[in-house]
Protein backbone atom coordinates (compact mmCIF):
# COMPACT_ATOMS: atom_id res chain seq x y z
CA MET A 1 163.12 82.84 112.47
CA LYS A 2 166.11 85.24 112.40
CA ASN A 3 163.64 87.73 109.92
CA PHE A 4 161.03 87.24 112.00
CA ARG A 5 162.33 87.81 115.39
CA ARG A 6 163.44 90.99 113.97
CA LEU A 7 160.43 92.08 112.50
CA TRP A 8 158.64 91.76 115.75
CA LEU A 9 161.12 93.72 117.82
CA ASP A 10 161.31 95.99 115.16
CA GLY A 11 157.39 96.51 114.44
CA PRO A 12 156.53 98.41 117.17
CA TYR A 13 159.29 101.46 116.32
CA LEU A 14 157.92 101.15 112.71
CA LEU A 15 154.19 101.30 114.09
CA TRP A 16 155.21 104.02 115.86
CA THR A 17 157.06 105.88 112.75
CA ALA A 18 154.18 105.23 110.58
CA ALA A 19 151.49 106.58 112.98
CA PHE A 20 153.28 109.85 114.26
CA ILE A 21 155.83 111.01 111.07
CA VAL A 22 155.43 109.22 107.77
CA ILE A 23 151.19 110.02 107.83
CA PRO A 24 151.16 113.37 109.83
CA LEU A 25 153.78 114.24 107.27
CA PHE A 26 151.80 113.11 103.94
CA THR A 27 148.83 115.00 105.53
CA ILE A 28 150.83 117.93 105.47
CA VAL A 29 152.24 117.55 102.00
CA TYR A 30 148.80 116.29 100.34
CA TYR A 31 146.81 119.78 102.09
CA GLY A 32 150.14 121.50 101.40
CA LEU A 33 150.05 120.65 97.49
CA THR A 34 146.09 120.94 96.82
CA ASP A 35 143.53 123.07 97.16
CA LYS A 36 139.97 122.63 99.04
CA THR A 37 138.71 120.35 96.04
CA GLY A 38 141.85 118.40 95.69
CA ALA A 39 143.06 119.61 92.69
CA PHE A 40 147.09 120.63 92.99
CA THR A 41 147.98 123.83 93.35
CA TRP A 42 151.08 125.69 94.29
CA ASP A 43 148.79 128.76 96.06
CA ASN A 44 149.44 127.54 99.25
CA ILE A 45 153.16 127.92 99.62
CA LEU A 46 153.16 131.14 97.75
CA ALA A 47 150.23 132.42 100.26
CA MET A 48 154.19 133.00 102.37
CA GLY A 49 154.64 135.92 99.98
CA THR A 50 152.40 138.58 101.29
CA LEU A 51 154.04 140.98 103.48
CA GLU A 52 152.45 140.12 106.99
CA ARG A 53 154.10 136.54 106.63
CA MET A 54 157.16 137.46 105.34
CA LYS A 55 157.60 139.99 107.91
CA ALA A 56 156.76 136.60 110.35
CA LEU A 57 159.09 134.50 108.84
CA ILE A 58 162.08 136.95 108.83
CA LEU A 59 161.38 137.54 112.61
CA SER A 60 161.70 134.43 113.36
CA LEU A 61 164.93 133.63 111.63
CA VAL A 62 166.42 136.80 113.31
CA LEU A 63 164.76 135.25 116.36
CA SER A 64 166.31 131.93 116.47
CA LEU A 65 169.87 132.93 114.81
CA ILE A 66 169.84 135.62 118.57
CA ALA A 67 168.45 132.91 120.65
CA THR A 68 170.90 130.01 119.11
CA ALA A 69 174.29 132.74 119.30
CA VAL A 70 172.87 133.88 122.59
CA CYS A 71 172.63 129.77 123.87
CA LEU A 72 176.39 129.18 122.09
CA VAL A 73 178.30 131.81 124.02
CA MET A 74 176.72 131.19 127.39
CA ALA A 75 176.73 127.17 127.20
CA TYR A 76 180.54 126.91 125.84
CA PRO A 77 182.03 128.64 128.81
CA LEU A 78 179.97 126.96 131.03
CA ALA A 79 180.43 123.70 130.12
CA LEU A 80 184.06 124.34 130.21
CA ILE A 81 183.65 124.97 133.61
CA LEU A 82 181.63 122.36 134.33
CA THR A 83 184.12 119.56 132.90
CA ASN A 84 186.82 121.04 135.40
CA LEU A 85 185.14 120.53 138.48
CA LYS A 86 184.84 117.75 140.85
CA SER A 87 182.83 114.59 139.77
CA GLY A 88 180.33 115.10 142.35
CA ALA A 89 179.91 119.43 142.20
CA THR A 90 179.66 118.63 138.60
CA GLY A 91 176.78 116.14 138.99
CA PHE A 92 174.85 118.96 141.05
CA ILE A 93 175.30 121.91 138.74
CA VAL A 94 174.67 119.85 135.38
CA SER A 95 171.50 118.28 137.73
CA ILE A 96 170.03 122.40 138.22
CA PHE A 97 169.88 122.57 134.53
CA ILE A 98 167.98 118.97 133.91
CA ILE A 99 166.04 119.41 136.38
CA PRO A 100 163.79 122.28 134.98
CA MET A 101 163.36 120.36 131.76
CA TRP A 102 161.48 118.22 133.78
CA MET A 103 158.91 120.37 134.22
CA ASN A 104 156.54 121.20 130.98
CA SER A 105 157.49 123.60 128.76
CA LEU A 106 154.59 125.60 128.94
CA LEU A 107 154.59 126.53 133.17
CA ARG A 108 158.38 127.76 132.48
CA ILE A 109 157.10 129.96 129.77
CA LEU A 110 154.29 130.87 132.01
CA ALA A 111 156.22 131.83 134.97
CA TRP A 112 158.30 133.89 132.57
CA GLN A 113 154.94 135.80 131.89
CA THR A 114 154.46 136.21 135.14
CA LEU A 115 158.17 137.55 135.51
CA LEU A 116 157.88 140.51 133.05
CA GLU A 117 154.55 141.52 133.24
CA ARG A 118 154.18 145.00 133.69
CA ASN A 119 153.04 144.12 137.14
CA GLY A 120 154.69 141.23 137.61
CA VAL A 121 157.58 140.30 140.22
CA ILE A 122 160.48 142.45 138.35
CA ASN A 123 158.80 145.40 138.29
CA GLN A 124 158.04 145.15 141.34
CA ILE A 125 161.36 144.76 142.95
CA LEU A 126 162.83 147.60 140.62
CA GLN A 127 160.25 149.72 142.11
CA ALA A 128 160.88 148.82 145.51
CA MET A 129 164.63 149.76 144.69
CA HIS A 130 163.63 153.13 143.04
CA LEU A 131 164.44 151.97 139.58
CA PRO A 132 163.02 152.31 136.35
CA LYS A 133 160.52 149.53 135.29
CA LEU A 134 161.03 146.91 132.78
CA TYR A 135 158.58 146.88 129.86
CA ILE A 136 160.18 143.79 127.56
CA ILE A 137 156.93 142.19 127.31
CA ASN A 138 154.94 141.77 123.87
CA THR A 139 157.89 142.62 122.28
CA PRO A 140 160.65 140.43 120.53
CA TYR A 141 162.94 141.03 123.08
CA ALA A 142 160.89 138.63 125.82
CA ILE A 143 160.55 136.00 123.00
CA ALA A 144 164.81 135.52 122.68
CA LEU A 145 164.52 135.57 126.45
CA GLY A 146 162.15 132.63 126.25
CA MET A 147 163.98 130.89 123.89
CA ILE A 148 167.40 131.44 125.29
CA TYR A 149 166.52 130.07 128.25
CA ASP A 150 164.21 127.21 127.23
CA PHE A 151 166.48 126.05 125.14
CA LEU A 152 170.36 126.72 126.76
CA PRO A 153 170.35 123.46 128.12
CA PHE A 154 170.35 121.27 124.88
CA MET A 155 173.26 123.48 123.95
CA ILE A 156 174.76 122.92 127.29
CA LEU A 157 174.06 118.99 126.83
CA PRO A 158 176.03 118.22 123.62
CA ILE A 159 178.78 120.70 124.26
CA TYR A 160 179.28 118.91 127.82
CA ASN A 161 179.22 115.83 126.49
CA SER A 162 181.75 116.36 123.51
CA LEU A 163 184.17 117.90 126.26
CA LEU A 164 183.80 114.80 128.53
CA LYS A 165 185.47 113.10 125.70
CA LEU A 166 188.02 114.92 124.98
CA ASP A 167 191.56 113.34 125.52
CA PRO A 168 193.15 115.36 128.28
CA ASN A 169 196.69 113.98 126.59
CA VAL A 170 195.57 115.96 123.56
CA VAL A 171 195.02 119.47 125.35
CA ASN A 172 198.30 118.73 127.60
CA ALA A 173 200.63 118.45 124.26
CA ALA A 174 199.48 121.70 123.21
CA TYR A 175 200.80 123.28 126.00
CA ASP A 176 203.90 121.29 125.95
CA LEU A 177 204.33 122.79 122.54
CA GLY A 178 204.28 126.31 123.79
CA ALA A 179 200.40 127.15 122.96
CA ASN A 180 199.06 129.39 125.17
CA ARG A 181 195.49 128.80 126.69
CA PHE A 182 193.71 131.02 124.06
CA GLN A 183 196.22 128.63 121.15
CA THR A 184 195.01 125.63 122.73
CA PHE A 185 191.38 126.47 123.00
CA TRP A 186 191.06 127.79 119.54
CA LYS A 187 193.58 125.32 117.53
CA VAL A 188 192.78 122.03 119.55
CA ILE A 189 189.41 122.63 121.96
CA PHE A 190 187.37 124.17 119.89
CA PRO A 191 187.55 122.03 116.91
CA LEU A 192 187.05 118.70 118.20
CA THR A 193 184.23 119.53 120.20
CA LEU A 194 183.04 121.27 116.88
CA PRO A 195 180.41 117.97 116.43
CA GLY A 196 178.79 119.25 119.98
CA VAL A 197 178.39 122.81 118.64
CA ILE A 198 176.85 121.65 115.85
CA SER A 199 175.01 119.06 117.74
CA GLY A 200 173.57 122.49 119.79
CA ILE A 201 172.99 124.56 117.16
CA THR A 202 170.87 122.34 115.68
CA MET A 203 168.72 121.46 118.58
CA VAL A 204 168.51 125.13 119.21
CA PHE A 205 167.76 126.43 116.35
CA VAL A 206 165.06 124.42 114.64
CA PRO A 207 162.35 125.01 117.66
CA ALA A 208 163.04 127.75 117.94
CA LEU A 209 162.36 128.75 114.14
CA THR A 210 158.79 126.54 114.81
CA THR A 211 157.77 127.70 118.25
CA PHE A 212 154.57 130.00 118.83
CA VAL A 213 153.49 128.94 122.31
CA ILE A 214 156.86 131.21 123.79
CA SER A 215 155.88 134.17 121.60
CA ALA A 216 151.94 133.18 121.81
CA PHE A 217 152.69 134.20 126.19
CA LEU A 218 155.19 136.63 126.07
CA GLY A 219 154.94 138.41 122.32
CA GLY A 220 151.16 138.51 122.90
CA SER A 221 149.18 139.42 119.91
CA LYS A 222 151.66 142.35 119.24
CA VAL A 223 154.60 139.92 118.01
CA LEU A 224 153.82 137.24 115.34
CA LEU A 225 156.19 134.54 114.48
CA ILE A 226 156.09 132.10 111.64
CA GLY A 227 154.59 129.50 113.98
CA ASN A 228 151.92 131.95 115.34
CA VAL A 229 150.81 132.43 111.80
CA ILE A 230 150.84 128.51 110.86
CA GLU A 231 149.06 127.65 113.99
CA GLN A 232 146.52 130.52 113.06
CA GLN A 233 145.58 129.05 109.98
CA PHE A 234 145.20 125.82 111.42
CA THR A 235 142.76 126.71 114.27
CA GLN A 236 141.44 129.69 114.16
CA VAL A 237 140.54 129.98 110.26
CA GLY A 238 140.66 126.51 110.08
CA ASP A 239 142.03 126.48 106.09
CA TRP A 240 144.79 123.59 106.10
CA ASN A 241 145.38 123.99 103.35
CA ILE A 242 147.49 127.87 103.77
CA GLY A 243 148.61 126.03 107.09
CA SER A 244 150.26 123.24 105.52
CA GLY A 245 151.12 124.97 102.66
CA LEU A 246 153.03 127.75 105.04
CA SER A 247 154.21 124.59 107.08
CA LEU A 248 156.11 123.15 103.78
CA VAL A 249 157.79 126.60 103.43
CA LEU A 250 158.85 125.98 106.94
CA MET A 251 160.07 122.49 106.45
CA VAL A 252 162.65 123.71 103.73
CA PHE A 253 164.38 126.26 106.01
CA ILE A 254 164.64 123.72 108.43
CA LEU A 255 165.94 120.58 105.68
CA ILE A 256 168.55 123.36 104.57
CA SER A 257 169.97 124.55 108.26
CA MET A 258 170.26 120.26 108.94
CA ALA A 259 172.14 120.23 105.77
CA VAL A 260 174.38 122.58 106.71
CA MET A 261 174.92 121.29 109.82
CA GLN A 262 175.34 117.69 108.95
CA HIS A 263 177.82 119.00 105.76
CA TYR A 264 180.03 120.59 108.35
CA ASP A 265 179.92 117.67 110.96
CA LYS A 266 180.78 115.63 108.12
CA ASP A 267 183.78 117.61 106.68
CA ILE A 268 184.99 117.85 110.82
CA ALA A 269 184.55 113.72 111.10
CA GLU A 270 186.47 113.40 107.43
CA ASN A 271 189.52 115.45 109.05
CA LYS A 272 189.71 113.39 112.27
CA THR A 273 189.76 110.45 110.34
CA ALA A 274 192.54 112.28 108.00
CA LEU A 275 194.76 113.32 111.65
């Protein structure tokens, strides 16, 4: 009876996992490792070795790392400020960052496209102030800006939650022992909140690496990331084998990044246990 009840409760989750994770993943693996006749081949994965695709992959990695680093630099001080505010003000400011996430990501990126285009809102304001116009639309800079804007809340919230769980007595003990503010932050606060930092890095880096919508609208046809190359293989070229093979290569980079983050997270947990 208990097993039947557990199966009944787990059934919807298992069905969802099979329909939207296992089956699509198996389909990508199948198409990525076979040709159009169904024969096994490595050619779809080796197709990543072309100059154009390698440039798109390297640019994706660089922009993802830049966006992740900038989000971390911006998010940590803001999370520190939020934890030191009164509860009412903190809730209001956190809501400011969460409310835009209720809006579709596509609409937010379209808004940035309107702001950054050559005759957009920003350039009209600069022109009215007799300042030089800003031409960054259809460049990697615009894509990085879109990534930072879109994924910044995913960096703020994990760090903020980690800071909320931090015991104030530990920080006060560091001050009592003669540590200054920088030493307290670097030796006490930052190490204890590393799980939140690692979660934020993972939540920003992975979607930034795989995105194709941001680069499509803010980069135009002039800047292609690996996500755009894969999307074109499926939607424009109609070659599911090549598209799946490139997806498997990208999946390897994602798994490596997640494994590295999990390794550091495990080390942090072991150090806490030892303490």
